[in-house]
Amino acid sequence: MSIRSKSLPRFRFTGHDLLVYHISWIPPSDCSWKLNFAGFVADCESGIAGVGFILRDENAIFKAGCAEPVNECDNIVTAELLALTHGLEVAMNQGIDFIEIEGDCVPLLELLYCQAEPMSSYAQELLDQCIDFIKSFRGVNIRRINSYSNGAANKMAALAISEDEPIFWFGQPPPEISEILVEDVIGRWVQVPKV
């Protein structure tokens, strides 16, 4: 039996032998908000990086977001920890009781699940802060997603490197990610890279 005849959920072959993957936003449970976060290191040598996060309610309504430049950040895990820390802090300040956290950085998720050790004392400090924030919510769900599904947060992190200071949005998303947010809700197909 060929791979084409098997049912691959969310995957499709096109007429040109391209494999495409369906991406769509999965709503959190009732009364929960969803936090997507991302870090982006533009240059490890110079430490130029950016962090971003997106908060949406159970109806995919944009509630808050941030794009923040970071200096002296030489690794993606630290950038991702910063993004998660800032996102959790804003979520707490919004009075959220239940939150679903989604990210695409496997090493960070391994840190959260105590399957790895932080690479530095600063990373340990950020991790401790994240865990303290997580404990303040009544309910938390943490999930790994692929980078395609984390497009809005990844775009926010990439936008941050061209800024001089953090930019926060509440209620209305920046135009740079509006289309991504809409595509998240209606769904889209993305090409799977050939291996």
C-alpha atoms as a PDB file:
ATOM      1  CA  MET A   1       0.000   0.000   0.000  1.00  0.00           C
ATOM      2  CA  SER A   2       1.474   3.357  -0.969  1.00  0.00           C
ATOM      3  CA  ILE A   3       1.572   6.359   1.312  1.00  0.00           C
ATOM      4  CA  ARG A   4      -0.873   8.071  -1.053  1.00  0.00           C
ATOM      5  CA  SER A   5      -3.563   5.514  -0.335  1.00  0.00           C
ATOM      6  CA  LYS A   6      -3.278   5.860   3.420  1.00  0.00           C
ATOM      7  CA  SER A   7      -5.290   8.443   5.252  1.00  0.00           C
ATOM      8  CA  LEU A   8      -3.008  11.172   6.586  1.00  0.00           C
ATOM      9  CA  PRO A   9      -5.032  13.540   8.750  1.00  0.00           C
ATOM     10  CA  ARG A  10      -4.506  17.180   7.810  1.00  0.00           C
ATOM     11  CA  PHE A  11      -2.047  16.196   5.026  1.00  0.00           C
ATOM     12  CA  ARG A  12      -2.787  16.116   1.290  1.00  0.00           C
ATOM     13  CA  PHE A  13      -0.811  15.397  -1.854  1.00  0.00           C
ATOM     14  CA  THR A  14      -1.299  17.894  -4.655  1.00  0.00           C
ATOM     15  CA  GLY A  15      -1.242  17.075  -8.364  1.00  0.00           C
ATOM     16  CA  HIS A  16       2.420  18.115  -8.472  1.00  0.00           C
ATOM     17  CA  ASP A  17       3.599  15.606  -5.848  1.00  0.00           C
ATOM     18  CA  LEU A  18       3.742  18.294  -3.183  1.00  0.00           C
ATOM     19  CA  LEU A  19       2.723  17.413   0.332  1.00  0.00           C
ATOM     20  CA  VAL A  20       0.692  20.142   2.022  1.00  0.00           C
ATOM     21  CA  TYR A  21      -0.417  20.437   5.625  1.00  0.00           C
ATOM     22  CA  HIS A  22      -3.626  22.035   6.899  1.00  0.00           C
ATOM     23  CA  ILE A  23      -3.156  24.614   9.648  1.00  0.00           C
ATOM     24  CA  SER A  24      -6.050  25.942  11.704  1.00  0.00           C
ATOM     25  CA  TRP A  25      -6.460  27.526  15.098  1.00  0.00           C
ATOM     26  CA  ILE A  26      -7.810  25.138  17.717  1.00  0.00           C
ATOM     27  CA  PRO A  27      -9.931  26.982  20.272  1.00  0.00           C
ATOM     28  CA  PRO A  28      -9.051  26.575  23.933  1.00  0.00           C
ATOM     29  CA  SER A  29     -11.636  25.167  26.304  1.00  0.00           C
ATOM     30  CA  ASP A  30     -14.452  27.424  27.508  1.00  0.00           C
ATOM     31  CA  CYS A  31     -13.374  30.401  29.621  1.00  0.00           C
ATOM     32  CA  SER A  32      -9.724  29.846  28.660  1.00  0.00           C
ATOM     33  CA  TRP A  33      -7.443  32.136  26.750  1.00  0.00           C
ATOM     34  CA  LYS A  34      -4.638  30.950  24.534  1.00  0.00           C
ATOM     35  CA  LEU A  35      -1.070  32.264  24.747  1.00  0.00           C
ATOM     36  CA  ASN A  36       1.230  31.727  21.773  1.00  0.00           C
ATOM     37  CA  PHE A  37       4.816  32.841  22.298  1.00  0.00           C
ATOM     38  CA  ALA A  38       8.036  32.911  20.293  1.00  0.00           C
ATOM     39  CA  GLY A  39      11.628  34.054  20.369  1.00  0.00           C
ATOM     40  CA  PHE A  40      13.794  35.002  17.411  1.00  0.00           C
ATOM     41  CA  VAL A  41      17.581  35.341  17.483  1.00  0.00           C
ATOM     42  CA  ALA A  42      18.728  37.340  14.465  1.00  0.00           C
ATOM     43  CA  ASP A  43      22.440  37.121  15.255  1.00  0.00           C
ATOM     44  CA  CYS A  44      23.998  35.015  18.021  1.00  0.00           C
ATOM     45  CA  GLU A  45      27.306  36.904  17.804  1.00  0.00           C
ATOM     46  CA  SER A  46      25.795  40.345  18.426  1.00  0.00           C
ATOM     47  CA  GLY A  47      22.970  39.035  20.613  1.00  0.00           C
ATOM     48  CA  ILE A  48      20.262  40.782  18.583  1.00  0.00           C
ATOM     49  CA  ALA A  49      16.963  39.059  19.283  1.00  0.00           C
ATOM     50  CA  GLY A  50      13.248  39.633  19.571  1.00  0.00           C
ATOM     51  CA  VAL A  51      10.411  38.108  21.536  1.00  0.00           C
ATOM     52  CA  GLY A  52       6.697  38.126  20.886  1.00  0.00           C
ATOM     53  CA  PHE A  53       3.445  36.747  22.161  1.00  0.00           C
ATOM     54  CA  ILE A  54      -0.239  36.733  21.272  1.00  0.00           C
ATOM     55  CA  LEU A  55      -3.161  36.328  23.687  1.00  0.00           C
ATOM     56  CA  ARG A  56      -6.567  35.316  22.289  1.00  0.00           C
ATOM     57  CA  ASP A  57      -9.801  34.311  23.968  1.00  0.00           C
ATOM     58  CA  GLU A  58     -11.787  31.136  23.292  1.00  0.00           C
ATOM     59  CA  ASN A  59     -13.387  32.794  20.240  1.00  0.00           C
ATOM     60  CA  ALA A  60      -9.990  33.663  18.697  1.00  0.00           C
ATOM     61  CA  ILE A  61     -10.511  37.347  19.511  1.00  0.00           C
ATOM     62  CA  PHE A  62      -7.165  39.124  19.850  1.00  0.00           C
ATOM     63  CA  LYS A  63      -6.773  40.381  23.416  1.00  0.00           C
ATOM     64  CA  ALA A  64      -3.109  41.363  23.700  1.00  0.00           C
ATOM     65  CA  GLY A  65       0.250  41.027  22.040  1.00  0.00           C
ATOM     66  CA  CYS A  66       3.794  42.262  22.287  1.00  0.00           C
ATOM     67  CA  ALA A  67       6.895  42.619  20.143  1.00  0.00           C
ATOM     68  CA  GLU A  68       9.976  43.313  22.236  1.00  0.00           C
ATOM     69  CA  PRO A  69      13.573  43.726  21.111  1.00  0.00           C
ATOM     70  CA  VAL A  70      16.209  41.996  23.227  1.00  0.00           C
ATOM     71  CA  ASN A  71      19.923  42.722  23.384  1.00  0.00           C
ATOM     72  CA  GLU A  72      22.650  40.310  24.424  1.00  0.00           C
ATOM     73  CA  CYS A  73      20.591  37.190  23.810  1.00  0.00           C
ATOM     74  CA  ASP A  74      22.707  34.521  22.159  1.00  0.00           C
ATOM     75  CA  ASN A  75      20.344  31.539  22.172  1.00  0.00           C
ATOM     76  CA  ILE A  76      16.788  30.730  21.211  1.00  0.00           C
ATOM     77  CA  VAL A  77      15.836  29.106  24.523  1.00  0.00           C
ATOM     78  CA  THR A  78      16.523  32.306  26.467  1.00  0.00           C
ATOM     79  CA  ALA A  79      14.563  34.315  23.890  1.00  0.00           C
ATOM     80  CA  GLU A  80      11.641  31.878  24.129  1.00  0.00           C
ATOM     81  CA  LEU A  81      11.750  31.987  27.948  1.00  0.00           C
ATOM     82  CA  LEU A  82      11.588  35.789  27.825  1.00  0.00           C
ATOM     83  CA  ALA A  83       8.599  35.649  25.476  1.00  0.00           C
ATOM     84  CA  LEU A  84       6.783  33.154  27.692  1.00  0.00           C
ATOM     85  CA  THR A  85       7.548  35.144  30.853  1.00  0.00           C
ATOM     86  CA  HIS A  86       6.197  38.378  29.363  1.00  0.00           C
ATOM     87  CA  GLY A  87       3.134  36.654  27.923  1.00  0.00           C
ATOM     88  CA  LEU A  88       2.278  34.985  31.226  1.00  0.00           C
ATOM     89  CA  GLU A  89       2.707  38.264  33.094  1.00  0.00           C
ATOM     90  CA  VAL A  90       0.319  40.089  30.756  1.00  0.00           C
ATOM     91  CA  ALA A  91      -2.166  37.198  30.982  1.00  0.00           C
ATOM     92  CA  MET A  92      -2.057  37.398  34.783  1.00  0.00           C
ATOM     93  CA  ASN A  93      -2.609  41.154  34.656  1.00  0.00           C
ATOM     94  CA  GLN A  94      -5.651  40.582  32.417  1.00  0.00           C
ATOM     95  CA  GLY A  95      -7.189  38.496  35.210  1.00  0.00           C
ATOM     96  CA  ILE A  96      -7.270  35.211  33.309  1.00  0.00           C
ATOM     97  CA  ASP A  97      -7.971  32.091  35.379  1.00  0.00           C
ATOM     98  CA  PHE A  98      -7.494  29.416  32.711  1.00  0.00           C
ATOM     99  CA  ILE A  99      -4.830  29.513  30.021  1.00  0.00           C
ATOM    100  CA  GLU A 100      -3.564  27.266  27.254  1.00  0.00           C
ATOM    101  CA  ILE A 101       0.070  27.856  26.318  1.00  0.00           C
ATOM    102  CA  GLU A 102       1.399  26.969  22.879  1.00  0.00           C
ATOM    103  CA  GLY A 103       4.958  27.194  21.611  1.00  0.00           C
ATOM    104  CA  ASP A 104       7.188  25.576  19.025  1.00  0.00           C
ATOM    105  CA  CYS A 105      10.518  25.462  20.908  1.00  0.00           C
ATOM    106  CA  VAL A 106      11.070  21.855  22.014  1.00  0.00           C
ATOM    107  CA  PRO A 107      14.053  22.631  24.326  1.00  0.00           C
ATOM    108  CA  LEU A 108      11.952  25.177  26.240  1.00  0.00           C
ATOM    109  CA  LEU A 109       9.092  22.731  26.673  1.00  0.00           C
ATOM    110  CA  GLU A 110      11.595  20.152  27.934  1.00  0.00           C
ATOM    111  CA  LEU A 111      12.695  22.708  30.547  1.00  0.00           C
ATOM    112  CA  LEU A 112       9.089  23.261  31.627  1.00  0.00           C
ATOM    113  CA  TYR A 113       8.567  19.507  31.974  1.00  0.00           C
ATOM    114  CA  CYS A 114      11.852  19.124  33.916  1.00  0.00           C
ATOM    115  CA  GLN A 115      13.329  16.960  31.152  1.00  0.00           C
ATOM    116  CA  ALA A 116      16.345  19.244  30.707  1.00  0.00           C
ATOM    117  CA  GLU A 117      18.517  21.615  32.721  1.00  0.00           C
ATOM    118  CA  PRO A 118      18.777  25.358  32.003  1.00  0.00           C
ATOM    119  CA  MET A 119      21.961  26.396  30.202  1.00  0.00           C
ATOM    120  CA  SER A 120      22.639  29.417  32.419  1.00  0.00           C
ATOM    121  CA  SER A 121      21.705  30.982  35.736  1.00  0.00           C
ATOM    122  CA  TYR A 122      19.727  33.621  33.819  1.00  0.00           C
ATOM    123  CA  ALA A 123      17.742  30.904  32.035  1.00  0.00           C
ATOM    124  CA  GLN A 124      17.100  29.265  35.427  1.00  0.00           C
ATOM    125  CA  GLU A 125      15.857  32.597  36.801  1.00  0.00           C
ATOM    126  CA  LEU A 126      13.480  33.020  33.841  1.00  0.00           C
ATOM    127  CA  LEU A 127      12.297  29.418  34.144  1.00  0.00           C
ATOM    128  CA  ASP A 128      11.574  29.887  37.861  1.00  0.00           C
ATOM    129  CA  GLN A 129       9.625  33.044  37.067  1.00  0.00           C
ATOM    130  CA  CYS A 130       7.601  31.214  34.386  1.00  0.00           C
ATOM    131  CA  ILE A 131       6.779  28.400  36.784  1.00  0.00           C
ATOM    132  CA  ASP A 132       5.702  30.887  39.471  1.00  0.00           C
ATOM    133  CA  PHE A 133       3.439  32.619  36.944  1.00  0.00           C
ATOM    134  CA  ILE A 134       2.018  29.288  35.765  1.00  0.00           C
ATOM    135  CA  LYS A 135       1.165  28.340  39.357  1.00  0.00           C
ATOM    136  CA  SER A 136      -0.929  31.508  39.706  1.00  0.00           C
ATOM    137  CA  PHE A 137      -3.534  30.296  37.181  1.00  0.00           C
ATOM    138  CA  ARG A 138      -6.403  27.998  38.171  1.00  0.00           C
ATOM    139  CA  GLY A 139      -5.886  25.846  35.089  1.00  0.00           C
ATOM    140  CA  VAL A 140      -3.014  25.545  32.618  1.00  0.00           C
ATOM    141  CA  ASN A 141      -2.540  23.437  29.504  1.00  0.00           C
ATOM    142  CA  ILE A 142       0.851  23.465  27.750  1.00  0.00           C
ATOM    143  CA  ARG A 143       1.146  22.168  24.210  1.00  0.00           C
ATOM    144  CA  ARG A 144       3.859  21.972  21.564  1.00  0.00           C
ATOM    145  CA  ILE A 145       2.800  23.088  18.108  1.00  0.00           C
ATOM    146  CA  ASN A 146       4.687  23.307  14.832  1.00  0.00           C
ATOM    147  CA  SER A 147       6.159  26.595  13.659  1.00  0.00           C
ATOM    148  CA  TYR A 148       3.462  26.982  10.972  1.00  0.00           C
ATOM    149  CA  SER A 149       0.787  26.985  13.670  1.00  0.00           C
ATOM    150  CA  ASN A 150       2.762  29.540  15.677  1.00  0.00           C
ATOM    151  CA  GLY A 151       3.033  31.989  12.773  1.00  0.00           C
ATOM    152  CA  ALA A 152       1.555  35.048  14.491  1.00  0.00           C
ATOM    153  CA  ALA A 153       3.842  34.806  17.530  1.00  0.00           C
ATOM    154  CA  ASN A 154       6.858  34.077  15.325  1.00  0.00           C
ATOM    155  CA  LYS A 155       6.036  37.146  13.220  1.00  0.00           C
ATOM    156  CA  MET A 156       5.793  39.301  16.376  1.00  0.00           C
ATOM    157  CA  ALA A 157       9.224  38.090  17.516  1.00  0.00           C
ATOM    158  CA  ALA A 158      10.734  38.812  14.096  1.00  0.00           C
ATOM    159  CA  LEU A 159       9.140  42.286  14.024  1.00  0.00           C
ATOM    160  CA  ALA A 160      10.666  43.058  17.413  1.00  0.00           C
ATOM    161  CA  ILE A 161      14.265  43.117  16.211  1.00  0.00           C
ATOM    162  CA  SER A 162      13.644  46.301  14.212  1.00  0.00           C
ATOM    163  CA  GLU A 163      12.184  48.126  17.231  1.00  0.00           C
ATOM    164  CA  ASP A 164      13.958  50.180  19.884  1.00  0.00           C
ATOM    165  CA  GLU A 165      11.567  49.390  22.712  1.00  0.00           C
ATOM    166  CA  PRO A 166       8.710  46.982  23.474  1.00  0.00           C
ATOM    167  CA  ILE A 167       5.418  47.585  21.694  1.00  0.00           C
ATOM    168  CA  PHE A 168       2.208  46.315  23.297  1.00  0.00           C
ATOM    169  CA  TRP A 169      -1.182  45.967  21.637  1.00  0.00           C
ATOM    170  CA  PHE A 170      -4.464  45.483  23.497  1.00  0.00           C
ATOM    171  CA  GLY A 171      -7.742  44.690  21.740  1.00  0.00           C
ATOM    172  CA  GLN A 172      -6.514  45.423  18.206  1.00  0.00           C
ATOM    173  CA  PRO A 173      -3.671  43.433  16.605  1.00  0.00           C
ATOM    174  CA  PRO A 174      -0.919  45.100  14.613  1.00  0.00           C
ATOM    175  CA  PRO A 175      -1.588  45.093  10.861  1.00  0.00           C
ATOM    176  CA  GLU A 176       1.504  42.921  10.274  1.00  0.00           C
ATOM    177  CA  ILE A 177      -0.194  39.903  11.864  1.00  0.00           C
ATOM    178  CA  SER A 178      -3.878  40.563  11.129  1.00  0.00           C
ATOM    179  CA  GLU A 179      -3.895  38.359   8.038  1.00  0.00           C
ATOM    180  CA  ILE A 180      -2.153  35.530   9.908  1.00  0.00           C
ATOM    181  CA  LEU A 181      -4.772  35.697  12.675  1.00  0.00           C
ATOM    182  CA  VAL A 182      -7.617  35.495  10.146  1.00  0.00           C
ATOM    183  CA  GLU A 183      -5.939  32.600   8.311  1.00  0.00           C
ATOM    184  CA  ASP A 184      -5.513  30.824  11.650  1.00  0.00           C
ATOM    185  CA  VAL A 185      -9.273  30.862  12.160  1.00  0.00           C
ATOM    186  CA  ILE A 186     -10.372  29.944   8.622  1.00  0.00           C
ATOM    187  CA  GLY A 187      -7.453  27.543   8.110  1.00  0.00           C
ATOM    188  CA  ARG A 188      -4.796  27.393   5.416  1.00  0.00           C
ATOM    189  CA  TRP A 189      -2.634  24.880   3.587  1.00  0.00           C
ATOM    190  CA  VAL A 190       1.156  25.100   3.799  1.00  0.00           C
ATOM    191  CA  GLN A 191       3.693  23.113   1.824  1.00  0.00           C
ATOM    192  CA  VAL A 192       5.707  20.590   3.796  1.00  0.00           C
ATOM    193  CA  PRO A 193       9.415  20.996   2.963  1.00  0.00           C
ATOM    194  CA  LYS A 194      11.014  18.071   1.156  1.00  0.00           C
ATOM    195  CA  VAL A 195      13.421  16.094   3.272  1.00  0.00           C
END
